[in-house]
């Protein structure tokens, strides 16, 4: 499992998701805190390409040896890519949650929502206060 980290170039959502902006797209994943709390991830249920997702609503599920949890969208948009590697290797989320363990890529339809997300330092304070 990777060491605890919260990269400065990402934006963070209160449900422990991260966003990496790439042009008009955004890549979503879960934070180190989330994957650590879940434990060993054994299954990822993610949306189909073309699905519309809405900020604040669940778009998939991650199942670990401990629990099944919803994954919430930090931004609104259309799914343009799904990390297919997670079908055979869901543990990538634990091993590299900010890299090979990404979940989906979304074409943002409301990029103004980025302003509602936290920077790394604000997310760390949010964790400390929880």
C-alpha atoms as a PDB file:
ATOM      1  CA  UNK A   1       0.000   0.000   0.000  1.00  0.00           C
ATOM      2  CA  UNK A   2       1.255   3.487  -0.805  1.00  0.00           C
ATOM      3  CA  UNK A   3       2.335   6.001   1.840  1.00  0.00           C
ATOM      4  CA  UNK A   4      -0.111   8.716   2.903  1.00  0.00           C
ATOM      5  CA  UNK A   5      -0.009  11.679   0.527  1.00  0.00           C
ATOM      6  CA  UNK A   6      -2.223  14.402  -0.924  1.00  0.00           C
ATOM      7  CA  UNK A   7      -0.659  15.809  -4.129  1.00  0.00           C
ATOM      8  CA  UNK A   8      -0.729  19.597  -4.455  1.00  0.00           C
ATOM      9  CA  UNK A   9      -1.807  19.537  -8.124  1.00  0.00           C
ATOM     10  CA  UNK A  10      -5.159  17.872  -7.361  1.00  0.00           C
ATOM     11  CA  UNK A  11      -8.482  19.171  -6.048  1.00  0.00           C
ATOM     12  CA  UNK A  12     -10.318  17.309  -3.295  1.00  0.00           C
ATOM     13  CA  UNK A  13     -13.968  16.613  -2.511  1.00  0.00           C
ATOM     14  CA  UNK A  14     -15.464  16.167   0.977  1.00  0.00           C
ATOM     15  CA  UNK A  15     -16.391  12.539   0.173  1.00  0.00           C
ATOM     16  CA  UNK A  16     -12.635  11.761  -0.111  1.00  0.00           C
ATOM     17  CA  UNK A  17     -12.351  11.908  -3.897  1.00  0.00           C
ATOM     18  CA  UNK A  18      -9.702  13.690  -5.922  1.00  0.00           C
ATOM     19  CA  UNK A  19      -9.858  15.461  -9.297  1.00  0.00           C
ATOM     20  CA  UNK A  20      -7.034  16.011 -11.792  1.00  0.00           C
ATOM     21  CA  UNK A  21      -8.002  18.558 -14.443  1.00  0.00           C
ATOM     22  CA  UNK A  22      -6.764  17.760 -17.954  1.00  0.00           C
ATOM     23  CA  UNK A  23      -8.091  20.372 -20.411  1.00  0.00           C
ATOM     24  CA  UNK A  24     -11.868  20.069 -20.508  1.00  0.00           C
ATOM     25  CA  UNK A  25     -11.679  16.639 -18.891  1.00  0.00           C
ATOM     26  CA  UNK A  26     -11.240  15.673 -15.257  1.00  0.00           C
ATOM     27  CA  UNK A  27      -9.891  12.386 -13.936  1.00  0.00           C
ATOM     28  CA  UNK A  28     -11.486  11.108 -10.702  1.00  0.00           C
ATOM     29  CA  UNK A  29     -10.164   8.793  -8.029  1.00  0.00           C
ATOM     30  CA  UNK A  30     -10.334   8.273  -4.283  1.00  0.00           C
ATOM     31  CA  UNK A  31      -7.826   9.710  -1.819  1.00  0.00           C
ATOM     32  CA  UNK A  32      -5.239   7.889   0.215  1.00  0.00           C
ATOM     33  CA  UNK A  33      -7.470   8.406   3.278  1.00  0.00           C
ATOM     34  CA  UNK A  34     -10.436   6.731   1.534  1.00  0.00           C
ATOM     35  CA  UNK A  35      -8.533   3.699   0.265  1.00  0.00           C
ATOM     36  CA  UNK A  36      -6.878   3.273   3.682  1.00  0.00           C
ATOM     37  CA  UNK A  37     -10.257   3.399   5.449  1.00  0.00           C
ATOM     38  CA  UNK A  38     -11.732   0.872   3.013  1.00  0.00           C
ATOM     39  CA  UNK A  39      -8.874  -1.598   3.239  1.00  0.00           C
ATOM     40  CA  UNK A  40      -8.120  -4.083   0.468  1.00  0.00           C
ATOM     41  CA  UNK A  41     -10.348  -3.273  -2.523  1.00  0.00           C
ATOM     42  CA  UNK A  42     -11.613  -6.413  -4.259  1.00  0.00           C
ATOM     43  CA  UNK A  43     -14.168  -5.040  -6.760  1.00  0.00           C
ATOM     44  CA  UNK A  44     -14.941  -1.767  -8.557  1.00  0.00           C
ATOM     45  CA  UNK A  45     -18.351  -1.071 -10.110  1.00  0.00           C
ATOM     46  CA  UNK A  46     -17.980   1.944 -12.390  1.00  0.00           C
ATOM     47  CA  UNK A  47     -20.320   3.655 -14.882  1.00  0.00           C
ATOM     48  CA  UNK A  48     -20.371   3.045 -18.626  1.00  0.00           C
ATOM     49  CA  UNK A  49     -18.720   5.458 -21.061  1.00  0.00           C
ATOM     50  CA  UNK A  50     -21.396   7.986 -22.046  1.00  0.00           C
ATOM     51  CA  UNK A  51     -23.090   8.000 -18.637  1.00  0.00           C
ATOM     52  CA  UNK A  52     -24.015  11.411 -17.224  1.00  0.00           C
ATOM     53  CA  UNK A  53     -22.908  11.992 -13.651  1.00  0.00           C
ATOM     54  CA  UNK A  54     -23.853  14.822 -11.321  1.00  0.00           C
ATOM     55  CA  UNK A  55     -21.744  16.440  -8.608  1.00  0.00           C
ATOM     56  CA  UNK A  56     -22.611  15.147  -5.151  1.00  0.00           C
ATOM     57  CA  UNK A  57     -24.311  11.981  -6.398  1.00  0.00           C
ATOM     58  CA  UNK A  58     -22.924   8.425  -6.408  1.00  0.00           C
ATOM     59  CA  UNK A  59     -21.544   7.154  -9.723  1.00  0.00           C
ATOM     60  CA  UNK A  60     -20.132   3.793  -8.677  1.00  0.00           C
ATOM     61  CA  UNK A  61     -19.195   1.470  -5.849  1.00  0.00           C
ATOM     62  CA  UNK A  62     -15.995   0.097  -4.416  1.00  0.00           C
ATOM     63  CA  UNK A  63     -16.095  -3.167  -2.510  1.00  0.00           C
ATOM     64  CA  UNK A  64     -13.412  -4.059  -0.021  1.00  0.00           C
ATOM     65  CA  UNK A  65     -12.943  -6.954   2.351  1.00  0.00           C
ATOM     66  CA  UNK A  66     -14.518  -4.652   4.986  1.00  0.00           C
ATOM     67  CA  UNK A  67     -17.449  -2.969   3.211  1.00  0.00           C
ATOM     68  CA  UNK A  68     -19.135  -1.728   0.055  1.00  0.00           C
ATOM     69  CA  UNK A  69     -19.150   2.048  -0.371  1.00  0.00           C
ATOM     70  CA  UNK A  70     -20.551   4.475  -2.905  1.00  0.00           C
ATOM     71  CA  UNK A  71     -18.158   6.702  -4.839  1.00  0.00           C
ATOM     72  CA  UNK A  72     -19.454  10.266  -5.207  1.00  0.00           C
ATOM     73  CA  UNK A  73     -18.895  12.572  -8.161  1.00  0.00           C
ATOM     74  CA  UNK A  74     -16.982  15.734  -7.267  1.00  0.00           C
ATOM     75  CA  UNK A  75     -18.031  17.339 -10.595  1.00  0.00           C
ATOM     76  CA  UNK A  76     -20.831  17.091 -13.175  1.00  0.00           C
ATOM     77  CA  UNK A  77     -20.104  15.689 -16.626  1.00  0.00           C
ATOM     78  CA  UNK A  78     -20.139  12.824 -19.092  1.00  0.00           C
ATOM     79  CA  UNK A  79     -17.987   9.745 -18.577  1.00  0.00           C
ATOM     80  CA  UNK A  80     -15.510   9.517 -21.472  1.00  0.00           C
ATOM     81  CA  UNK A  81     -13.232   6.775 -20.118  1.00  0.00           C
ATOM     82  CA  UNK A  82     -13.288   4.128 -17.391  1.00  0.00           C
ATOM     83  CA  UNK A  83     -10.191   2.514 -15.899  1.00  0.00           C
ATOM     84  CA  UNK A  84     -10.804  -0.964 -17.336  1.00  0.00           C
ATOM     85  CA  UNK A  85      -7.710  -2.352 -15.580  1.00  0.00           C
ATOM     86  CA  UNK A  86      -9.627  -2.233 -12.290  1.00  0.00           C
ATOM     87  CA  UNK A  87     -11.911  -5.045 -13.474  1.00  0.00           C
ATOM     88  CA  UNK A  88      -9.024  -7.522 -13.150  1.00  0.00           C
ATOM     89  CA  UNK A  89      -6.860  -5.590 -10.670  1.00  0.00           C
ATOM     90  CA  UNK A  90      -9.024  -3.523  -8.298  1.00  0.00           C
ATOM     91  CA  UNK A  91      -6.155  -3.493  -5.796  1.00  0.00           C
ATOM     92  CA  UNK A  92      -4.497  -0.840  -8.017  1.00  0.00           C
ATOM     93  CA  UNK A  93      -6.649   1.654  -6.091  1.00  0.00           C
ATOM     94  CA  UNK A  94      -4.795   0.678  -2.888  1.00  0.00           C
ATOM     95  CA  UNK A  95      -1.376   0.451  -4.516  1.00  0.00           C
ATOM     96  CA  UNK A  96      -1.446   3.728  -6.492  1.00  0.00           C
ATOM     97  CA  UNK A  97      -4.628   5.696  -5.771  1.00  0.00           C
ATOM     98  CA  UNK A  98      -3.365   8.837  -7.587  1.00  0.00           C
ATOM     99  CA  UNK A  99      -1.861   7.017 -10.572  1.00  0.00           C
ATOM    100  CA  UNK A 100      -2.853   3.608 -11.953  1.00  0.00           C
ATOM    101  CA  UNK A 101      -5.724   3.419  -9.460  1.00  0.00           C
ATOM    102  CA  UNK A 102      -7.730   6.264 -11.046  1.00  0.00           C
ATOM    103  CA  UNK A 103     -11.416   5.488 -11.587  1.00  0.00           C
ATOM    104  CA  UNK A 104     -12.982   7.499 -14.433  1.00  0.00           C
ATOM    105  CA  UNK A 105     -12.345  10.386 -16.843  1.00  0.00           C
ATOM    106  CA  UNK A 106     -15.187  12.875 -17.268  1.00  0.00           C
ATOM    107  CA  UNK A 107     -15.849  15.646 -19.804  1.00  0.00           C
ATOM    108  CA  UNK A 108     -16.821  18.499 -17.486  1.00  0.00           C
ATOM    109  CA  UNK A 109     -20.159  20.161 -18.249  1.00  0.00           C
ATOM    110  CA  UNK A 110     -20.022  22.576 -15.283  1.00  0.00           C
ATOM    111  CA  UNK A 111     -16.321  23.508 -14.861  1.00  0.00           C
ATOM    112  CA  UNK A 112     -17.319  26.257 -12.406  1.00  0.00           C
ATOM    113  CA  UNK A 113     -17.847  23.485  -9.851  1.00  0.00           C
ATOM    114  CA  UNK A 114     -14.041  23.238  -9.549  1.00  0.00           C
ATOM    115  CA  UNK A 115     -14.240  26.275  -7.279  1.00  0.00           C
ATOM    116  CA  UNK A 116     -16.205  24.203  -4.747  1.00  0.00           C
ATOM    117  CA  UNK A 117     -13.357  21.706  -4.331  1.00  0.00           C
ATOM    118  CA  UNK A 118     -10.535  21.918  -1.778  1.00  0.00           C
ATOM    119  CA  UNK A 119      -6.839  22.351  -2.404  1.00  0.00           C
ATOM    120  CA  UNK A 120      -4.519  19.823  -0.726  1.00  0.00           C
ATOM    121  CA  UNK A 121      -3.860  21.902   2.411  1.00  0.00           C
ATOM    122  CA  UNK A 122      -7.571  22.573   2.938  1.00  0.00           C
ATOM    123  CA  UNK A 123      -8.320  18.851   2.505  1.00  0.00           C
ATOM    124  CA  UNK A 124      -5.680  17.954   5.122  1.00  0.00           C
ATOM    125  CA  UNK A 125      -7.285  20.431   7.564  1.00  0.00           C
ATOM    126  CA  UNK A 126     -10.690  18.884   6.743  1.00  0.00           C
ATOM    127  CA  UNK A 127      -9.302  15.445   7.683  1.00  0.00           C
ATOM    128  CA  UNK A 128      -7.798  16.787  10.908  1.00  0.00           C
ATOM    129  CA  UNK A 129     -11.137  18.296  11.935  1.00  0.00           C
ATOM    130  CA  UNK A 130     -13.188  15.174  11.144  1.00  0.00           C
END
